[in-house]
Amino acid sequence: MNEIIKKNGIKFGIISGIVGIVVTSTMYAVDINLFANSLIGIGMIVFYIGLGIYVVSICKKEMGGTINFKDAFTAFLIYCSIGIVIANVFNYILFNFIDPAAKDQILEITINKTVEFMEKFDTPKEAIKKAVIELKENDQYSIGNIIKGSAFSIIFSSIVGLIVAAVMKTKTTYNE
């Protein structure tokens, strides 16, 4: 593996993991209701995609202005995977060891937001009850769900990474 790809993927993966920890800690300290704010989630996704594009562009610059699809994708995937793992390990520790009561608060907030949202769309009461039961039975901060969430995040990141790599790779020209 190219050392530039590895170095930048790891460096920015650690940075994105730290950003995830800082954002989670800030939301936890300021207002636990922020965990149910979809705009923050969307903002974080945009930030992480933007940082991933930056990672690939830095690698391309350090490689003399050229990068192939594989290297661009690899840099993006390393960056995302490390950041996701770091942030999710922190979430697991925070909500299972440091303050397990906080995950119950977040669950209640999530249930209330979900019910409110479903009622706006005139969802039948039975469907709302079923959704609430599923939320209560599913500990989003259990080790299994953290691993599953990490896997889905890495898969989503891989799809984004494929797109970024396709756009950022150096275009080849053929002389006939």
C-alpha atoms as a PDB file:
ATOM      1  CA  MET A   1       0.000   0.000   0.000  1.00  0.00           C
ATOM      2  CA  ASN A   2       1.201   3.491  -0.826  1.00  0.00           C
ATOM      3  CA  GLU A   3       2.651   5.178   2.277  1.00  0.00           C
ATOM      4  CA  ILE A   4       0.992   8.525   1.452  1.00  0.00           C
ATOM      5  CA  ILE A   5      -2.424   6.851   1.305  1.00  0.00           C
ATOM      6  CA  LYS A   6      -1.816   4.998   4.557  1.00  0.00           C
ATOM      7  CA  LYS A   7      -0.387   8.035   6.387  1.00  0.00           C
ATOM      8  CA  ASN A   8      -3.209  10.393   5.392  1.00  0.00           C
ATOM      9  CA  GLY A   9      -5.949   7.803   5.853  1.00  0.00           C
ATOM     10  CA  ILE A  10      -4.794   7.067   9.399  1.00  0.00           C
ATOM     11  CA  LYS A  11      -4.072  10.705  10.294  1.00  0.00           C
ATOM     12  CA  PHE A  12      -7.433  12.014   9.124  1.00  0.00           C
ATOM     13  CA  GLY A  13      -9.245   8.944  10.446  1.00  0.00           C
ATOM     14  CA  ILE A  14      -7.941   9.767  13.915  1.00  0.00           C
ATOM     15  CA  ILE A  15      -8.898  13.426  13.409  1.00  0.00           C
ATOM     16  CA  SER A  16     -12.447  12.475  12.363  1.00  0.00           C
ATOM     17  CA  GLY A  17     -12.737  10.113  15.337  1.00  0.00           C
ATOM     18  CA  ILE A  18     -11.671  12.917  17.665  1.00  0.00           C
ATOM     19  CA  VAL A  19     -14.179  15.270  16.011  1.00  0.00           C
ATOM     20  CA  GLY A  20     -16.873  12.642  16.605  1.00  0.00           C
ATOM     21  CA  ILE A  21     -15.871  12.396  20.262  1.00  0.00           C
ATOM     22  CA  VAL A  22     -15.878  16.183  20.669  1.00  0.00           C
ATOM     23  CA  VAL A  23     -19.293  16.542  19.015  1.00  0.00           C
ATOM     24  CA  THR A  24     -20.777  13.722  21.088  1.00  0.00           C
ATOM     25  CA  SER A  25     -19.262  15.097  24.289  1.00  0.00           C
ATOM     26  CA  THR A  26     -20.497  18.601  23.509  1.00  0.00           C
ATOM     27  CA  MET A  27     -24.032  17.407  22.774  1.00  0.00           C
ATOM     28  CA  TYR A  28     -23.946  15.315  25.955  1.00  0.00           C
ATOM     29  CA  ALA A  29     -22.723  18.247  28.067  1.00  0.00           C
ATOM     30  CA  VAL A  30     -24.891  20.981  26.514  1.00  0.00           C
ATOM     31  CA  ASP A  31     -28.254  19.298  25.943  1.00  0.00           C
ATOM     32  CA  ILE A  32     -28.999  15.603  25.605  1.00  0.00           C
ATOM     33  CA  ASN A  33     -31.949  16.504  23.346  1.00  0.00           C
ATOM     34  CA  LEU A  34     -29.410  17.295  20.626  1.00  0.00           C
ATOM     35  CA  PHE A  35     -28.963  13.552  20.061  1.00  0.00           C
ATOM     36  CA  ALA A  36     -32.397  13.520  18.438  1.00  0.00           C
ATOM     37  CA  ASN A  37     -31.705  16.563  16.245  1.00  0.00           C
ATOM     38  CA  SER A  38     -31.603  15.369  12.645  1.00  0.00           C
ATOM     39  CA  LEU A  39     -29.942  18.563  11.432  1.00  0.00           C
ATOM     40  CA  ILE A  40     -26.877  17.803  13.537  1.00  0.00           C
ATOM     41  CA  GLY A  41     -26.745  14.305  12.054  1.00  0.00           C
ATOM     42  CA  ILE A  42     -27.035  15.651   8.519  1.00  0.00           C
ATOM     43  CA  GLY A  43     -24.418  18.301   9.269  1.00  0.00           C
ATOM     44  CA  MET A  44     -22.011  15.661  10.539  1.00  0.00           C
ATOM     45  CA  ILE A  45     -22.512  13.525   7.425  1.00  0.00           C
ATOM     46  CA  VAL A  46     -21.768  16.539   5.213  1.00  0.00           C
ATOM     47  CA  PHE A  47     -18.687  17.332   7.326  1.00  0.00           C
ATOM     48  CA  TYR A  48     -17.362  13.757   7.105  1.00  0.00           C
ATOM     49  CA  ILE A  49     -17.911  13.574   3.340  1.00  0.00           C
ATOM     50  CA  GLY A  50     -16.206  16.948   2.913  1.00  0.00           C
ATOM     51  CA  LEU A  51     -13.264  15.833   5.038  1.00  0.00           C
ATOM     52  CA  GLY A  52     -13.051  12.624   2.992  1.00  0.00           C
ATOM     53  CA  ILE A  53     -12.869  14.636  -0.214  1.00  0.00           C
ATOM     54  CA  TYR A  54     -10.134  16.721   1.404  1.00  0.00           C
ATOM     55  CA  VAL A  55      -8.223  13.559   2.389  1.00  0.00           C
ATOM     56  CA  VAL A  56      -8.290  12.297  -1.200  1.00  0.00           C
ATOM     57  CA  SER A  57      -7.256  15.707  -2.554  1.00  0.00           C
ATOM     58  CA  ILE A  58      -4.329  15.892  -0.093  1.00  0.00           C
ATOM     59  CA  CYS A  59      -3.206  12.416  -1.160  1.00  0.00           C
ATOM     60  CA  LYS A  60      -3.487  13.393  -4.815  1.00  0.00           C
ATOM     61  CA  LYS A  61      -1.446  16.564  -4.212  1.00  0.00           C
ATOM     62  CA  GLU A  62       1.248  14.663  -2.270  1.00  0.00           C
ATOM     63  CA  MET A  63       1.408  12.072  -5.066  1.00  0.00           C
ATOM     64  CA  GLY A  64       2.353  14.713  -7.613  1.00  0.00           C
ATOM     65  CA  GLY A  65      -1.154  15.596  -8.758  1.00  0.00           C
ATOM     66  CA  THR A  66      -2.143  12.115  -9.866  1.00  0.00           C
ATOM     67  CA  ILE A  67      -4.153   9.465  -8.105  1.00  0.00           C
ATOM     68  CA  ASN A  68      -5.770   6.345  -9.446  1.00  0.00           C
ATOM     69  CA  PHE A  69      -9.223   5.086  -8.492  1.00  0.00           C
ATOM     70  CA  LYS A  70      -7.918   2.386  -6.135  1.00  0.00           C
ATOM     71  CA  ASP A  71      -5.690   4.757  -4.156  1.00  0.00           C
ATOM     72  CA  ALA A  72      -8.411   7.416  -3.906  1.00  0.00           C
ATOM     73  CA  PHE A  73     -10.937   4.860  -2.674  1.00  0.00           C
ATOM     74  CA  THR A  74      -8.449   3.282  -0.263  1.00  0.00           C
ATOM     75  CA  ALA A  75      -7.582   6.660   1.306  1.00  0.00           C
ATOM     76  CA  PHE A  76     -11.275   7.472   1.756  1.00  0.00           C
ATOM     77  CA  LEU A  77     -12.089   4.042   3.180  1.00  0.00           C
ATOM     78  CA  ILE A  78      -9.187   4.019   5.666  1.00  0.00           C
ATOM     79  CA  TYR A  79     -10.106   7.522   6.837  1.00  0.00           C
ATOM     80  CA  CYS A  80     -13.781   6.650   7.311  1.00  0.00           C
ATOM     81  CA  SER A  81     -13.237   3.264   8.930  1.00  0.00           C
ATOM     82  CA  ILE A  82     -10.827   4.566  11.561  1.00  0.00           C
ATOM     83  CA  GLY A  83     -13.026   7.561  12.378  1.00  0.00           C
ATOM     84  CA  ILE A  84     -16.163   5.420  12.667  1.00  0.00           C
ATOM     85  CA  VAL A  85     -14.483   2.878  14.949  1.00  0.00           C
ATOM     86  CA  ILE A  86     -12.994   5.535  17.248  1.00  0.00           C
ATOM     87  CA  ALA A  87     -16.274   7.464  17.564  1.00  0.00           C
ATOM     88  CA  ASN A  88     -18.330   4.321  18.154  1.00  0.00           C
ATOM     89  CA  VAL A  89     -15.947   2.913  20.768  1.00  0.00           C
ATOM     90  CA  PHE A  90     -16.302   6.223  22.617  1.00  0.00           C
ATOM     91  CA  ASN A  91     -20.117   6.064  22.317  1.00  0.00           C
ATOM     92  CA  TYR A  92     -20.109   2.523  23.710  1.00  0.00           C
ATOM     93  CA  ILE A  93     -17.973   3.535  26.685  1.00  0.00           C
ATOM     94  CA  LEU A  94     -19.941   6.731  27.364  1.00  0.00           C
ATOM     95  CA  PHE A  95     -23.390   5.168  27.261  1.00  0.00           C
ATOM     96  CA  ASN A  96     -22.590   1.807  28.860  1.00  0.00           C
ATOM     97  CA  PHE A  97     -20.000   2.647  31.515  1.00  0.00           C
ATOM     98  CA  ILE A  98     -19.728   6.379  32.157  1.00  0.00           C
ATOM     99  CA  ASP A  99     -23.439   7.306  32.087  1.00  0.00           C
ATOM    100  CA  PRO A 100     -25.803   4.434  31.243  1.00  0.00           C
ATOM    101  CA  ALA A 101     -28.793   6.547  32.346  1.00  0.00           C
ATOM    102  CA  ALA A 102     -28.113   8.937  29.453  1.00  0.00           C
ATOM    103  CA  LYS A 103     -28.968   6.271  26.888  1.00  0.00           C
ATOM    104  CA  ASP A 104     -32.365   5.855  28.569  1.00  0.00           C
ATOM    105  CA  GLN A 105     -32.916   9.614  28.295  1.00  0.00           C
ATOM    106  CA  ILE A 106     -31.933   9.539  24.627  1.00  0.00           C
ATOM    107  CA  LEU A 107     -34.300   6.613  24.061  1.00  0.00           C
ATOM    108  CA  GLU A 108     -37.215   8.566  25.585  1.00  0.00           C
ATOM    109  CA  ILE A 109     -36.382  11.617  23.494  1.00  0.00           C
ATOM    110  CA  THR A 110     -36.153   9.439  20.386  1.00  0.00           C
ATOM    111  CA  ILE A 111     -39.486   7.787  21.155  1.00  0.00           C
ATOM    112  CA  ASN A 112     -41.171  11.164  21.647  1.00  0.00           C
ATOM    113  CA  LYS A 113     -39.720  12.546  18.387  1.00  0.00           C
ATOM    114  CA  THR A 114     -40.684   9.379  16.517  1.00  0.00           C
ATOM    115  CA  VAL A 115     -44.265   9.454  17.812  1.00  0.00           C
ATOM    116  CA  GLU A 116     -44.532  13.168  17.034  1.00  0.00           C
ATOM    117  CA  PHE A 117     -43.229  12.599  13.509  1.00  0.00           C
ATOM    118  CA  MET A 118     -45.494   9.616  12.856  1.00  0.00           C
ATOM    119  CA  GLU A 119     -48.547  11.477  14.145  1.00  0.00           C
ATOM    120  CA  LYS A 120     -47.843  14.335  11.707  1.00  0.00           C
ATOM    121  CA  PHE A 121     -48.323  11.843   8.889  1.00  0.00           C
ATOM    122  CA  ASP A 122     -51.481  10.330  10.399  1.00  0.00           C
ATOM    123  CA  THR A 123     -49.791   6.997  10.995  1.00  0.00           C
ATOM    124  CA  PRO A 124     -52.209   4.449  12.478  1.00  0.00           C
ATOM    125  CA  LYS A 125     -51.950   4.077  16.276  1.00  0.00           C
ATOM    126  CA  GLU A 126     -51.062   0.376  15.927  1.00  0.00           C
ATOM    127  CA  ALA A 127     -48.043   1.213  13.748  1.00  0.00           C
ATOM    128  CA  ILE A 128     -46.928   3.858  16.246  1.00  0.00           C
ATOM    129  CA  LYS A 129     -47.231   1.373  19.126  1.00  0.00           C
ATOM    130  CA  LYS A 130     -45.221  -1.186  17.157  1.00  0.00           C
ATOM    131  CA  ALA A 131     -42.484   1.380  16.422  1.00  0.00           C
ATOM    132  CA  VAL A 132     -42.286   2.358  20.097  1.00  0.00           C
ATOM    133  CA  ILE A 133     -42.026  -1.287  21.181  1.00  0.00           C
ATOM    134  CA  GLU A 134     -39.238  -1.891  18.653  1.00  0.00           C
ATOM    135  CA  LEU A 135     -37.351   1.175  19.880  1.00  0.00           C
ATOM    136  CA  LYS A 136     -37.647   0.043  23.505  1.00  0.00           C
ATOM    137  CA  GLU A 137     -36.497  -3.500  22.705  1.00  0.00           C
ATOM    138  CA  ASN A 138     -33.501  -2.322  20.695  1.00  0.00           C
ATOM    139  CA  ASP A 139     -30.598  -0.929  22.773  1.00  0.00           C
ATOM    140  CA  GLN A 140     -28.850   1.238  20.195  1.00  0.00           C
ATOM    141  CA  TYR A 141     -25.731   1.388  22.387  1.00  0.00           C
ATOM    142  CA  SER A 142     -25.321  -2.359  22.934  1.00  0.00           C
ATOM    143  CA  ILE A 143     -22.086  -3.870  21.640  1.00  0.00           C
ATOM    144  CA  GLY A 144     -23.993  -5.751  18.928  1.00  0.00           C
ATOM    145  CA  ASN A 145     -25.811  -2.664  17.705  1.00  0.00           C
ATOM    146  CA  ILE A 146     -22.648  -0.545  17.867  1.00  0.00           C
ATOM    147  CA  ILE A 147     -20.873  -3.133  15.687  1.00  0.00           C
ATOM    148  CA  LYS A 148     -23.849  -3.367  13.336  1.00  0.00           C
ATOM    149  CA  GLY A 149     -24.092   0.426  13.129  1.00  0.00           C
ATOM    150  CA  SER A 150     -20.365   0.662  12.455  1.00  0.00           C
ATOM    151  CA  ALA A 151     -20.660  -1.905   9.660  1.00  0.00           C
ATOM    152  CA  PHE A 152     -23.562  -0.026   8.035  1.00  0.00           C
ATOM    153  CA  SER A 153     -21.650   3.259   8.380  1.00  0.00           C
ATOM    154  CA  ILE A 154     -18.604   1.737   6.718  1.00  0.00           C
ATOM    155  CA  ILE A 155     -20.773   0.332   3.905  1.00  0.00           C
ATOM    156  CA  PHE A 156     -22.416   3.750   3.379  1.00  0.00           C
ATOM    157  CA  SER A 157     -18.965   5.373   3.487  1.00  0.00           C
ATOM    158  CA  SER A 158     -17.709   2.857   0.926  1.00  0.00           C
ATOM    159  CA  ILE A 159     -20.464   3.839  -1.476  1.00  0.00           C
ATOM    160  CA  VAL A 160     -19.651   7.521  -0.986  1.00  0.00           C
ATOM    161  CA  GLY A 161     -15.949   6.666  -1.305  1.00  0.00           C
ATOM    162  CA  LEU A 162     -16.562   4.963  -4.655  1.00  0.00           C
ATOM    163  CA  ILE A 163     -18.226   8.116  -5.944  1.00  0.00           C
ATOM    164  CA  VAL A 164     -15.501  10.381  -4.559  1.00  0.00           C
ATOM    165  CA  ALA A 165     -12.771   8.141  -6.021  1.00  0.00           C
ATOM    166  CA  ALA A 166     -14.458   8.113  -9.426  1.00  0.00           C
ATOM    167  CA  VAL A 167     -14.653  11.904  -9.450  1.00  0.00           C
ATOM    168  CA  MET A 168     -11.205  12.597  -7.974  1.00  0.00           C
ATOM    169  CA  LYS A 169      -9.100  10.038  -9.862  1.00  0.00           C
ATOM    170  CA  THR A 170      -6.729  11.383 -12.434  1.00  0.00           C
ATOM    171  CA  LYS A 171      -8.271  11.174 -15.849  1.00  0.00           C
ATOM    172  CA  THR A 172      -6.281   9.049 -18.242  1.00  0.00           C
ATOM    173  CA  THR A 173      -5.752  10.085 -21.822  1.00  0.00           C
ATOM    174  CA  TYR A 174      -4.974   7.722 -24.632  1.00  0.00           C
ATOM    175  CA  ASN A 175      -2.785   8.714 -27.535  1.00  0.00           C
ATOM    176  CA  GLU A 176      -3.583   6.863 -30.705  1.00  0.00           C
END
